[in-house]
Amino acid sequence: MGSAADSYESYWMATAPGPEYPRLTESLEVDAVVVGGGVAGLCTAGELARAGCRVALVEADRIASGVTGHTTAKLSALHGLRYARLAREQGTDRARWYAQSQQEAVEHVVRTAAELGVDCQLERVPGYVYTETEDALEDVRAEARAAADAGLAAVFTEETGLPFRVAGAVRVADQAQFHPRRYLLALAEDLVARGGLVFEHTRATGLTEGRPCRVTTEGGAVVSAAEVVVATHYPVFDRALLFARLRPVRELVVAGAVPEDADPQGMYVTPEHRTRSVRTAPYGDGRRLLIVTGEKFTPGSSGVRRRHDRLADWACERFPSLRPGYRWAAQDNSTTDGVPYVGRFHVGTQHVHVAAGFDGWGMSGGVMAGRLLAGVIIGDEPRWAPLYDPRRLRPLREAPALVKFQAEVARHLVGDWIGVPSMPDDQDLGAGEGAVVRFHGRRVAVCRDREGRLHTVGARCTHLGCTVHFNEAEQSWDCPCHGSRFALDGTVVQGPATRPLEPLDTDPPGPAPGRQDDAR
């Protein structure tokens, strides 16, 4: 791969830098405050502003730059093998609600992009879920039937535009793909034009519920509002203990130019090969940008670089004309019953709302969330809103997934501490390497950045205390329990953590072997 691939830069971020928005420095009062500037937050704020509400949006980093800035940007109501499971576990009516709400989100983006006149490279294409093996063929056939019963234009087919044979696929017409940053930056401009306020580099650190509610920011400024929406991908304020029901999943992306005649003319996904997802985007000069996603894993797992190389090898084998130029990673959370949590945050509140758990389908899910939450707040709740209610709990259906996830968390809480080696002094870290070691009874995260500078911080995640792991490929400290990510100096890159890793006054003497190396 070339230098662009080594930089782990998202194509969407590289090609749509966007304007700077100010940091919040003074307290203010609004009708509603939205915490989080990704697709769900921006869509919610935009819908509320269109309804006449005075809205403030606060984002810890840059808007549309986190998960949203690193998505594959498939805008689809076909979400893997979702409908057969929904119909089986929750009934056909709820499967229809899911299909209706997701397809309406697709159409809402199409209408809004036309209304705003934004060139977001939006293209209408079919979506496919495919299998290459006969063993999974009946699952795909069942999904085609369930998706059609749910109201989607779904059919089973053995013909696709992929350059390799598939055993069968679900095909759903009238889906879409687009440039998410261009669309959402235009949405932010429209929000401001309607009197909304957007603040970047403004991390929310506290929430007090009441009349009004109060959101406290890292710099001390307070936003008072009648309604609060927490749309931070993983809730940074977890009044409903959703951390016990959300499992973080990270996926890798490689992208590069292919000739136009290599375009498979659709969006494709298979659960096989640790997930493989394929789509294209306009690239100019008779070429398309081929975007391939896969290699699902838990944050904090080793071998990220090896996984990325494996994904690139698969993409180049299946698309021989591909010349990879970008690689990046995205992260999302899955719920225990496969349906996002969107609605009132917990049983005791009427004015605090949440959007989380999109399981890799945050484009249609985030747009759906914006429409649902705005409807709840202004008193025009969609008929399908109960499907997504975060207060739901189905013990019999959710128990196996819940127990499995919590067992993984417990294993990390205990095992990662037991396995931490003491810090000897006969070996040093190379540039770009890091390790978690035991020093004077403490977990210490020590690394040397690619310029050779040494960084030493506490290794205990500030969310719930798990031990962070070093991600050599992306040069970050990642928490395997709930997905928080930190820069080498300990600053928060991704929540649910809101506080940095503990700074250490002095570097521990000696080097740091016994390292959790990223397998190459």
Protein backbone atom coordinates (compact mmCIF):
# COMPACT_ATOMS: atom_id res chain seq x y z
CA MET A 1 0.00 0.00 0.00
CA GLY A 2 1.06 3.59 -0.57
CA SER A 3 1.60 6.37 1.91
CA ALA A 4 -2.09 7.32 1.99
CA ALA A 5 -2.93 3.80 3.08
CA ASP A 6 -0.31 3.93 5.87
CA SER A 7 -1.78 7.15 7.26
CA TYR A 8 -5.13 5.58 8.20
CA GLU A 9 -6.99 8.51 6.71
CA SER A 10 -10.70 8.32 5.91
CA TYR A 11 -11.54 9.26 2.32
CA TRP A 12 -14.59 11.20 3.54
CA MET A 13 -12.47 13.27 5.94
CA ALA A 14 -9.76 13.87 3.34
CA THR A 15 -12.18 15.14 0.68
CA ALA A 16 -14.54 17.30 2.75
CA PRO A 17 -12.65 19.29 5.42
CA GLY A 18 -15.57 21.58 6.30
CA PRO A 19 -15.70 24.89 8.20
CA GLU A 20 -14.62 25.37 11.80
CA TYR A 21 -17.27 25.96 14.46
CA PRO A 22 -16.49 27.74 17.74
CA ARG A 23 -15.90 26.21 21.14
CA LEU A 24 -18.60 26.92 23.74
CA THR A 25 -17.15 29.36 26.29
CA GLU A 26 -20.25 30.89 27.91
CA SER A 27 -23.36 29.34 29.43
CA LEU A 28 -26.60 29.61 27.50
CA GLU A 29 -30.26 28.59 27.48
CA VAL A 30 -32.01 26.86 24.57
CA ASP A 31 -35.06 24.73 23.92
CA ALA A 32 -33.01 21.61 23.25
CA VAL A 33 -29.36 20.60 23.48
CA VAL A 34 -27.96 17.75 21.40
CA VAL A 35 -24.77 16.11 22.67
CA GLY A 36 -22.85 14.58 19.77
CA GLY A 37 -22.28 15.85 16.24
CA GLY A 38 -22.50 12.64 14.22
CA VAL A 39 -25.28 11.63 11.88
CA ALA A 40 -27.81 10.98 14.67
CA GLY A 41 -27.04 14.24 16.49
CA LEU A 42 -26.98 16.43 13.40
CA CYS A 43 -30.18 14.91 12.02
CA THR A 44 -31.96 15.35 15.36
CA ALA A 45 -30.81 18.95 15.70
CA GLY A 46 -31.80 19.69 12.11
CA GLU A 47 -35.28 18.23 12.51
CA LEU A 48 -35.84 20.19 15.74
CA ALA A 49 -34.67 23.43 14.13
CA ARG A 50 -37.05 22.86 11.22
CA ALA A 51 -39.84 22.46 13.77
CA GLY A 52 -39.05 25.90 15.22
CA CYS A 53 -36.97 24.88 18.26
CA ARG A 54 -33.87 26.81 19.31
CA VAL A 55 -31.19 24.12 19.36
CA ALA A 56 -27.58 23.93 20.50
CA LEU A 57 -25.36 21.05 19.38
CA VAL A 58 -22.12 20.33 21.25
CA GLU A 59 -19.44 18.04 19.84
CA ALA A 60 -16.27 16.94 21.66
CA ASP A 61 -14.17 17.00 18.48
CA ARG A 62 -15.29 18.07 14.97
CA ILE A 63 -18.80 17.45 13.69
CA ALA A 64 -19.28 14.44 11.37
CA SER A 65 -15.71 13.32 12.09
CA GLY A 66 -16.00 10.38 14.47
CA VAL A 67 -17.87 7.22 13.56
CA THR A 68 -19.80 9.18 10.92
CA GLY A 69 -16.60 10.39 9.27
CA HIS A 70 -15.30 6.82 9.01
CA THR A 71 -18.38 4.95 7.83
CA THR A 72 -18.79 3.23 4.46
CA ALA A 73 -21.91 5.40 4.00
CA LYS A 74 -24.37 2.79 2.80
CA LEU A 75 -27.84 4.25 3.05
CA SER A 76 -29.93 1.12 3.14
CA ALA A 77 -32.87 -0.60 4.83
CA LEU A 78 -31.29 -4.01 4.16
CA HIS A 79 -29.18 -4.68 7.24
CA GLY A 80 -27.60 -8.08 6.81
CA LEU A 81 -29.82 -11.00 7.82
CA ARG A 82 -31.95 -8.80 10.10
CA TYR A 83 -35.58 -9.33 9.01
CA ALA A 84 -35.82 -13.08 9.50
CA ARG A 85 -34.56 -12.65 13.06
CA LEU A 86 -36.91 -9.75 13.76
CA ALA A 87 -39.94 -11.62 12.48
CA ARG A 88 -38.99 -14.73 14.43
CA GLU A 89 -38.21 -13.01 17.74
CA GLN A 90 -40.48 -9.94 17.73
CA GLY A 91 -43.17 -10.67 15.16
CA THR A 92 -43.99 -9.56 11.63
CA ASP A 93 -45.52 -6.24 12.69
CA ARG A 94 -42.27 -5.09 14.30
CA ALA A 95 -40.28 -6.30 11.29
CA ARG A 96 -42.55 -4.10 9.14
CA TRP A 97 -41.97 -1.14 11.48
CA TYR A 98 -38.24 -1.62 11.12
CA ALA A 99 -38.43 -1.78 7.32
CA GLN A 100 -40.75 1.23 7.12
CA SER A 101 -38.64 3.41 9.41
CA GLN A 102 -35.36 2.53 7.67
CA GLN A 103 -36.66 2.93 4.11
CA GLU A 104 -38.29 6.23 5.06
CA ALA A 105 -34.85 7.35 6.28
CA VAL A 106 -33.37 6.56 2.86
CA GLU A 107 -36.05 8.59 1.10
CA HIS A 108 -35.71 11.42 3.64
CA VAL A 109 -32.03 11.86 2.75
CA VAL A 110 -32.83 11.86 -0.96
CA ARG A 111 -35.45 14.59 -0.48
CA THR A 112 -33.32 16.67 1.89
CA ALA A 113 -30.24 16.55 -0.34
CA ALA A 114 -32.35 17.82 -3.25
CA GLU A 115 -33.93 20.52 -1.09
CA LEU A 116 -30.55 21.76 0.16
CA GLY A 117 -28.99 21.48 -3.28
CA VAL A 118 -25.95 19.68 -1.91
CA ASP A 119 -23.67 17.66 -4.15
CA CYS A 120 -23.16 14.68 -1.86
CA GLN A 121 -22.58 12.14 -4.66
CA LEU A 122 -25.92 10.50 -3.90
CA GLU A 123 -26.68 7.52 -6.13
CA ARG A 124 -29.67 5.16 -6.09
CA VAL A 125 -28.43 1.56 -6.25
CA PRO A 126 -29.70 -1.83 -5.08
CA GLY A 127 -28.51 -3.41 -1.85
CA TYR A 128 -27.48 -7.06 -1.60
CA VAL A 129 -26.80 -9.58 1.16
CA TYR A 130 -25.03 -12.55 -0.35
CA THR A 131 -23.49 -15.92 0.45
CA GLU A 132 -20.79 -17.77 -1.42
CA THR A 133 -21.61 -21.10 0.21
CA GLU A 134 -24.47 -23.54 -0.22
CA ASP A 135 -24.54 -24.02 3.58
CA ALA A 136 -25.94 -20.51 4.15
CA LEU A 137 -28.24 -20.49 1.15
CA GLU A 138 -31.43 -21.24 3.07
CA ASP A 139 -30.69 -18.38 5.50
CA VAL A 140 -30.46 -16.00 2.54
CA ARG A 141 -33.68 -17.33 1.02
CA ALA A 142 -35.43 -16.91 4.38
CA GLU A 143 -34.14 -13.34 4.63
CA ALA A 144 -35.48 -12.53 1.16
CA ARG A 145 -38.92 -13.79 2.17
CA ALA A 146 -38.86 -11.95 5.52
CA ALA A 147 -37.68 -8.67 3.97
CA ALA A 148 -40.41 -8.86 1.32
CA ASP A 149 -43.02 -9.65 3.98
CA ALA A 150 -41.77 -6.57 5.88
CA GLY A 151 -42.56 -4.39 2.88
CA LEU A 152 -39.20 -4.00 1.13
CA ALA A 153 -38.71 -4.54 -2.59
CA ALA A 154 -36.77 -7.72 -1.81
CA VAL A 155 -36.16 -10.73 -4.03
CA PHE A 156 -33.86 -13.75 -4.00
CA THR A 157 -31.36 -13.84 -6.85
CA GLU A 158 -28.29 -15.72 -8.00
CA GLU A 159 -27.15 -12.85 -10.23
CA THR A 160 -25.10 -9.91 -8.94
CA GLY A 161 -22.62 -7.43 -10.35
CA LEU A 162 -19.76 -8.88 -8.29
CA PRO A 163 -16.79 -10.24 -10.25
CA PHE A 164 -17.06 -13.62 -8.52
CA ARG A 165 -19.72 -16.26 -8.15
CA VAL A 166 -22.22 -16.18 -5.30
CA ALA A 167 -24.53 -19.01 -4.27
CA GLY A 168 -27.40 -16.61 -3.73
CA ALA A 169 -28.33 -13.14 -2.53
CA VAL A 170 -31.14 -10.95 -1.26
CA ARG A 171 -31.59 -7.96 -3.54
CA VAL A 172 -33.50 -4.84 -2.42
CA ALA A 173 -34.07 -2.07 -4.94
CA ASP A 174 -34.08 1.70 -4.33
CA GLN A 175 -31.31 1.98 -1.76
CA ALA A 176 -28.62 4.69 -1.86
CA GLN A 177 -24.98 5.55 -1.30
CA PHE A 178 -23.54 9.01 -0.73
CA HIS A 179 -20.71 11.16 0.64
CA PRO A 180 -21.74 11.44 4.32
CA ARG A 181 -19.54 14.42 5.19
CA ARG A 182 -20.79 16.56 2.33
CA TYR A 183 -24.39 15.82 3.26
CA LEU A 184 -23.98 16.41 6.99
CA LEU A 185 -21.90 19.57 6.64
CA ALA A 186 -24.72 20.97 4.50
CA LEU A 187 -27.17 19.91 7.20
CA ALA A 188 -25.11 21.81 9.78
CA GLU A 189 -25.12 24.94 7.62
CA ASP A 190 -28.90 24.69 7.31
CA LEU A 191 -29.17 24.23 11.08
CA VAL A 192 -27.24 27.44 11.71
CA ALA A 193 -29.28 29.29 9.06
CA ARG A 194 -32.39 28.33 11.02
CA GLY A 195 -31.03 29.81 14.25
CA GLY A 196 -29.31 26.71 15.61
CA LEU A 197 -25.95 26.80 17.37
CA VAL A 198 -23.06 24.41 16.67
CA PHE A 199 -20.07 24.10 18.99
CA GLU A 200 -16.99 21.98 18.32
CA HIS A 201 -14.20 20.96 20.70
CA THR A 202 -16.80 21.13 23.47
CA ARG A 203 -16.89 17.92 25.49
CA ALA A 204 -19.97 17.35 27.65
CA THR A 205 -18.95 15.99 31.05
CA GLY A 206 -22.05 16.27 33.24
CA LEU A 207 -25.82 16.04 33.05
CA THR A 208 -28.31 17.22 35.65
CA GLU A 209 -31.92 16.33 34.97
CA GLY A 210 -34.63 18.75 36.02
CA ARG A 211 -36.69 21.65 34.76
CA PRO A 212 -34.63 22.69 32.91
CA CYS A 213 -31.94 20.06 32.40
CA ARG A 214 -28.32 21.20 32.55
CA VAL A 215 -25.41 19.89 30.47
CA THR A 216 -21.99 20.84 31.84
CA THR A 217 -19.03 21.02 29.49
CA GLU A 218 -15.33 20.44 30.05
CA GLY A 219 -14.59 24.15 30.01
CA GLY A 220 -17.22 24.89 32.67
CA ALA A 221 -19.91 26.39 30.43
CA VAL A 222 -23.43 25.07 31.05
CA VAL A 223 -26.23 24.59 28.52
CA SER A 224 -29.70 24.74 30.09
CA ALA A 225 -32.49 23.20 28.04
CA ALA A 226 -35.93 21.71 28.37
CA GLU A 227 -34.85 18.67 26.30
CA VAL A 228 -31.53 16.83 26.07
CA VAL A 229 -30.50 14.35 23.39
CA VAL A 230 -27.45 12.14 23.99
CA ALA A 231 -26.23 11.03 20.56
CA THR A 232 -22.61 10.19 21.29
CA HIS A 233 -22.49 6.78 19.63
CA TYR A 234 -22.00 5.16 23.05
CA PRO A 235 -23.88 7.13 25.74
CA VAL A 236 -21.46 9.26 27.76
CA PHE A 237 -24.14 9.64 30.44
CA ASP A 238 -25.50 6.18 31.15
CA ARG A 239 -28.52 6.59 33.41
CA ALA A 240 -30.08 3.43 31.94
CA LEU A 241 -26.97 1.21 32.34
CA LEU A 242 -26.95 0.67 28.60
CA PHE A 243 -23.25 -0.20 28.81
CA ALA A 244 -24.37 -3.64 29.98
CA ARG A 245 -26.42 -4.08 26.79
CA LEU A 246 -24.13 -2.52 24.17
CA ARG A 247 -21.24 -4.44 22.65
CA PRO A 248 -18.55 -2.39 20.85
CA VAL A 249 -17.44 -3.71 17.45
CA ARG A 250 -14.67 -2.31 15.28
CA GLU A 251 -14.38 -2.81 11.51
CA LEU A 252 -11.61 -2.00 9.05
CA VAL A 253 -11.84 -0.30 5.67
CA VAL A 254 -9.62 -0.27 2.59
CA ALA A 255 -10.41 1.85 -0.45
CA GLY A 256 -8.85 2.65 -3.77
CA ALA A 257 -9.47 3.41 -7.42
CA VAL A 258 -10.82 0.91 -9.95
CA PRO A 259 -11.87 1.43 -13.58
CA GLU A 260 -15.54 2.29 -14.08
CA ASP A 261 -16.18 -1.05 -15.75
CA ALA A 262 -15.16 -2.80 -12.49
CA ASP A 263 -18.03 -1.14 -10.60
CA PRO A 264 -20.31 -3.93 -9.24
CA GLN A 265 -23.33 -1.59 -9.53
CA GLY A 266 -24.67 -1.98 -6.01
CA MET A 267 -23.91 -2.26 -2.31
CA TYR A 268 -22.98 -5.71 -1.05
CA VAL A 269 -22.46 -7.37 2.33
CA THR A 270 -21.88 -10.92 3.53
CA PRO A 271 -21.36 -12.17 7.10
CA GLU A 272 -18.77 -14.60 5.74
CA HIS A 273 -14.99 -14.06 5.98
CA ARG A 274 -15.51 -12.06 9.24
CA THR A 275 -17.83 -9.79 7.22
CA ARG A 276 -17.13 -8.34 3.81
CA SER A 277 -18.88 -5.19 2.56
CA VAL A 278 -18.40 -3.64 -0.89
CA ARG A 279 -19.59 -0.41 -2.53
CA THR A 280 -18.21 2.28 -4.82
CA ALA A 281 -18.25 6.07 -5.08
CA PRO A 282 -17.47 8.57 -7.86
CA TYR A 283 -13.74 9.19 -8.22
CA GLY A 284 -13.27 10.98 -11.57
CA ASP A 285 -11.12 10.35 -14.65
CA GLY A 286 -13.05 7.24 -15.64
CA ARG A 287 -12.57 5.61 -12.25
CA ARG A 288 -14.63 4.64 -9.21
CA LEU A 289 -13.53 4.46 -5.59
CA LEU A 290 -13.99 0.89 -4.38
CA ILE A 291 -14.66 0.73 -0.62
CA VAL A 292 -14.28 -2.62 1.14
CA THR A 293 -15.08 -3.16 4.81
CA GLY A 294 -14.71 -6.15 7.12
CA GLU A 295 -12.68 -8.00 9.74
CA LYS A 296 -15.04 -7.30 12.64
CA PHE A 297 -13.31 -7.44 16.03
CA THR A 298 -13.56 -6.16 19.58
CA PRO A 299 -11.65 -2.92 20.30
CA GLY A 300 -8.40 -3.74 22.06
CA SER A 301 -7.83 -6.95 20.11
CA SER A 302 -4.34 -7.59 18.81
CA GLY A 303 -3.27 -7.84 15.21
CA VAL A 304 -5.04 -4.80 13.76
CA ARG A 305 -2.40 -4.30 11.09
CA ARG A 306 -2.53 -7.98 10.17
CA ARG A 307 -6.33 -7.81 9.91
CA HIS A 308 -6.09 -4.75 7.68
CA ASP A 309 -3.60 -6.49 5.40
CA ARG A 310 -5.88 -9.53 5.22
CA LEU A 311 -8.79 -7.32 4.17
CA ALA A 312 -6.65 -5.61 1.53
CA ASP A 313 -5.49 -8.98 0.21
CA TRP A 314 -9.11 -10.16 -0.12
CA ALA A 315 -10.11 -6.95 -1.91
CA CYS A 316 -7.19 -7.14 -4.37
CA GLU A 317 -7.81 -10.83 -5.04
CA ARG A 318 -11.50 -10.25 -5.81
CA PHE A 319 -10.94 -6.95 -7.65
CA PRO A 320 -7.56 -7.35 -9.40
CA SER A 321 -7.64 -3.81 -10.80
CA LEU A 322 -7.86 -2.28 -7.31
CA ARG A 323 -5.05 0.05 -6.28
CA PRO A 324 -5.61 0.68 -2.54
CA GLY A 325 -4.96 4.25 -1.48
CA TYR A 326 -6.83 4.63 1.82
CA ARG A 327 -7.33 2.59 4.92
CA TRP A 328 -9.22 3.48 8.07
CA ALA A 329 -11.42 1.95 10.76
CA ALA A 330 -14.92 2.47 12.08
CA GLN A 331 -16.59 1.50 15.34
CA ASP A 332 -20.17 0.90 16.35
CA ASN A 333 -22.15 -0.90 19.02
CA SER A 334 -24.56 -3.81 18.73
CA THR A 335 -27.52 -4.31 21.06
CA THR A 336 -28.58 -7.55 22.71
CA ASP A 337 -31.71 -7.87 20.55
CA GLY A 338 -30.37 -6.39 17.31
CA VAL A 339 -32.46 -3.20 17.37
CA PRO A 340 -31.03 0.28 18.17
CA TYR A 341 -31.92 2.18 21.34
CA VAL A 342 -33.64 5.42 20.32
CA GLY A 343 -36.06 7.28 22.58
CA ARG A 344 -36.38 8.35 26.21
CA PHE A 345 -33.21 7.46 28.05
CA HIS A 346 -34.66 5.68 31.09
CA VAL A 347 -37.92 4.95 32.87
CA GLY A 348 -37.68 8.00 35.13
CA THR A 349 -37.28 10.67 32.47
CA GLN A 350 -39.47 12.52 30.02
CA HIS A 351 -36.88 15.03 28.80
CA VAL A 352 -33.60 13.15 28.25
CA HIS A 353 -33.31 11.04 25.11
CA VAL A 354 -30.71 8.73 23.58
CA ALA A 355 -29.67 7.25 20.24
CA ALA A 356 -27.24 4.32 20.23
CA GLY A 357 -26.60 0.78 19.05
CA PHE A 358 -26.82 1.02 15.25
CA ASP A 359 -24.67 -2.09 14.69
CA GLY A 360 -22.89 -0.74 11.62
CA TRP A 361 -26.01 0.72 9.97
CA GLY A 362 -25.80 4.22 11.37
CA MET A 363 -26.57 6.08 8.15
CA SER A 364 -30.22 5.04 7.85
CA GLY A 365 -30.33 4.45 11.61
CA GLY A 366 -29.07 7.95 12.45
CA VAL A 367 -31.53 9.61 10.08
CA MET A 368 -34.32 7.47 11.54
CA ALA A 369 -33.22 8.50 15.04
CA GLY A 370 -33.36 12.20 14.15
CA ARG A 371 -36.92 11.86 12.88
CA LEU A 372 -38.00 9.74 15.86
CA LEU A 373 -36.48 11.95 18.57
CA ALA A 374 -37.72 15.17 17.03
CA GLY A 375 -41.17 13.61 16.82
CA VAL A 376 -41.09 12.58 20.48
CA ILE A 377 -39.96 16.04 21.59
CA ILE A 378 -42.48 18.04 19.55
CA GLY A 379 -45.35 15.62 20.18
CA ASP A 380 -45.54 13.90 16.79
CA GLU A 381 -44.14 10.47 17.63
CA PRO A 382 -43.91 8.01 14.68
CA ARG A 383 -46.04 4.88 14.92
CA TRP A 384 -42.90 2.73 14.82
CA ALA A 385 -41.22 4.50 17.78
CA PRO A 386 -42.03 1.72 20.34
CA LEU A 387 -39.80 -0.70 18.41
CA TYR A 388 -36.70 1.34 19.35
CA ASP A 389 -37.65 2.29 22.95
CA PRO A 390 -34.43 2.06 25.07
CA ARG A 391 -36.53 1.15 28.12
CA ARG A 392 -37.54 -2.18 26.60
CA LEU A 393 -36.16 -5.35 28.13
CA ARG A 394 -36.90 -8.83 26.87
CA PRO A 395 -35.06 -11.11 29.33
CA LEU A 396 -35.68 -14.42 27.56
CA ARG A 397 -34.55 -13.14 24.17
CA GLU A 398 -31.70 -10.93 25.35
CA ALA A 399 -30.27 -13.05 28.17
CA PRO A 400 -27.84 -15.19 26.11
CA ALA A 401 -26.25 -12.17 24.38
CA LEU A 402 -26.21 -10.19 27.64
CA VAL A 403 -24.51 -12.98 29.60
CA LYS A 404 -21.94 -13.56 26.85
CA PHE A 405 -21.02 -9.89 26.63
CA GLN A 406 -20.74 -9.41 30.39
CA ALA A 407 -18.59 -12.54 30.64
CA GLU A 408 -16.20 -10.96 28.13
CA VAL A 409 -16.10 -7.76 30.18
CA ALA A 410 -15.42 -9.70 33.39
CA ARG A 411 -12.63 -11.63 31.70
CA HIS A 412 -10.93 -8.38 30.70
CA LEU A 413 -11.43 -6.74 34.09
CA VAL A 414 -9.71 -9.64 35.86
CA GLY A 415 -7.53 -11.35 33.27
CA ASP A 416 -5.93 -8.27 31.76
CA TRP A 417 -4.68 -7.19 35.18
CA ILE A 418 -3.36 -10.62 36.14
CA GLY A 419 -1.48 -10.94 32.87
CA VAL A 420 0.33 -7.57 33.04
CA PRO A 421 4.11 -8.12 33.34
CA SER A 422 6.35 -6.17 35.66
CA MET A 423 8.58 -3.58 34.06
CA PRO A 424 12.17 -4.79 33.67
CA ASP A 425 14.96 -2.57 32.52
CA ASP A 426 16.81 -4.56 29.91
CA GLN A 427 14.80 -3.88 26.79
CA ASP A 428 13.36 -0.80 25.14
CA LEU A 429 10.36 0.06 22.98
CA GLY A 430 10.87 0.83 19.34
CA ALA A 431 9.22 3.75 17.58
CA GLY A 432 5.48 3.16 17.22
CA GLU A 433 5.40 0.44 19.89
CA GLY A 434 3.59 0.32 23.22
CA ALA A 435 2.86 -1.93 26.16
CA VAL A 436 0.92 -2.15 29.39
CA VAL A 437 3.16 -3.05 32.31
CA ARG A 438 3.05 -3.27 36.09
CA PHE A 439 5.07 -0.60 37.89
CA HIS A 440 4.99 -0.20 41.69
CA GLY A 441 1.66 -2.07 41.78
CA ARG A 442 0.03 0.08 39.11
CA ARG A 443 -0.99 -0.55 35.54
CA VAL A 444 1.06 1.73 33.33
CA ALA A 445 0.54 2.34 29.60
CA VAL A 446 3.84 3.24 28.00
CA CYS A 447 4.59 3.78 24.33
CA ARG A 448 7.05 5.43 22.02
CA ASP A 449 5.41 7.36 19.20
CA ARG A 450 6.61 7.14 15.61
CA GLU A 451 8.85 10.18 16.16
CA GLY A 452 10.53 8.40 19.08
CA ARG A 453 8.95 10.37 21.94
CA LEU A 454 8.02 8.38 25.07
CA HIS A 455 4.49 8.69 26.55
CA THR A 456 3.46 7.24 29.89
CA VAL A 457 -0.10 7.30 31.27
CA GLY A 458 -2.28 5.25 33.55
CA ALA A 459 -3.58 2.07 31.89
CA ARG A 460 -6.94 2.06 33.69
CA CYS A 461 -9.81 3.18 31.41
CA THR A 462 -11.57 6.14 33.01
CA HIS A 463 -15.00 4.77 32.09
CA LEU A 464 -15.28 1.65 34.27
CA GLY A 465 -11.70 0.65 34.96
CA CYS A 466 -10.75 -1.97 32.35
CA THR A 467 -7.15 -2.16 31.21
CA VAL A 468 -6.52 -0.49 27.86
CA HIS A 469 -4.63 -2.27 25.06
CA PHE A 470 -2.18 -0.77 22.59
CA ASN A 471 -3.35 -0.47 18.97
CA GLU A 472 -0.10 -0.29 17.00
CA ALA A 473 -1.78 0.20 13.63
CA GLU A 474 -3.83 3.26 14.67
CA GLN A 475 -1.47 4.43 17.44
CA SER A 476 -4.05 4.53 20.21
CA TRP A 477 -4.97 2.96 23.55
CA ASP A 478 -8.24 1.01 23.19
CA CYS A 479 -10.53 -0.35 25.91
CA PRO A 480 -11.78 -3.88 25.15
CA CYS A 481 -14.74 -3.63 27.54
CA HIS A 482 -16.83 -0.73 26.23
CA GLY A 483 -14.81 0.64 23.33
CA SER A 484 -13.33 3.88 24.71
CA ARG A 485 -10.24 4.97 22.79
CA PHE A 486 -7.42 7.29 23.85
CA ALA A 487 -4.56 9.06 22.08
CA LEU A 488 -0.98 8.22 23.05
CA ASP A 489 -0.94 11.09 25.54
CA GLY A 490 -4.14 9.79 27.16
CA THR A 491 -6.63 12.28 25.74
CA VAL A 492 -10.04 10.85 24.84
CA VAL A 493 -10.49 9.94 21.18
CA GLN A 494 -13.79 8.10 21.54
CA GLY A 495 -16.24 7.55 24.41
CA PRO A 496 -17.97 6.47 26.53
CA ALA A 497 -15.04 7.76 28.60
CA THR A 498 -15.13 11.53 29.09
CA ARG A 499 -11.91 11.89 31.10
CA PRO A 500 -8.37 11.26 29.83
CA LEU A 501 -6.15 8.47 31.04
CA GLU A 502 -4.35 9.45 34.24
CA PRO A 503 -1.23 11.50 33.46
CA LEU A 504 1.94 10.34 35.21
CA ASP A 505 4.30 13.01 36.51
CA THR A 506 7.43 11.11 35.59
CA ASP A 507 8.25 8.40 33.10
CA PRO A 508 8.82 5.04 34.77
CA PRO A 509 12.53 4.22 34.75
CA GLY A 510 13.68 1.64 32.29
CA PRO A 511 12.08 0.21 29.20
CA ALA A 512 8.83 -1.64 28.73
CA PRO A 513 8.96 -5.14 27.28
CA GLY A 514 6.38 -7.86 27.69
CA ARG A 515 4.41 -5.80 25.26
CA GLN A 516 0.99 -6.48 23.78
CA ASP A 517 2.38 -6.26 20.27
CA ASP A 518 0.16 -5.88 17.26
CA ALA A 519 0.90 -9.01 15.22
CA ARG A 520 2.11 -8.19 11.77
